[in-house]
Amino acid sequence: MTIRLRSLSPMLQSGDLQRTIDWYESVLGFRCIGREKDWCRLERDRVMLMFMRNAHFGAPHATATQYIYLHDLDAFWDSIKDKVKAEWGPEKMPYGMMEFAIKDPDGYLLSFGEELDKGEQREY
């Protein structure tokens, strides 16, 4: 019998679930597909993020970057660049990715990347 993992979804603490939902929907185009009092699930295409509100955990914080691979990074950046501040990029990385990063309202770092074709150059 082979056991197969199906998916991974970060469960992140939110300071304000409605603010989180509103930001992910209006800025990044996610949809809230599940909501309870202290929990929500947001999805866009094949990316799923869950958020919870648990006061005993304290303020939201993360030591990891949520890295999202996508197609057509240029079009995605153009669609959100007037709504967010880039933490870096878009820029070509030495490991063959074009990337940029932003922070959500709770300070979670979201990095978006697209694999470059060999020899591809982009200027911003």
Foldseek 3Di string as FASTA:
>chain_A
DDDDDDDDEEEWEDPDVVLQQVCCCPQVNWHWPDDDDFKTWIDDDPHIYMYGHDPVVPATDDPDAAEAEDPPPVVSCVRHVVPFDWPDDQDQDPVQWRKIWTAGPSGHIYMYIYGHDPPDDDDD
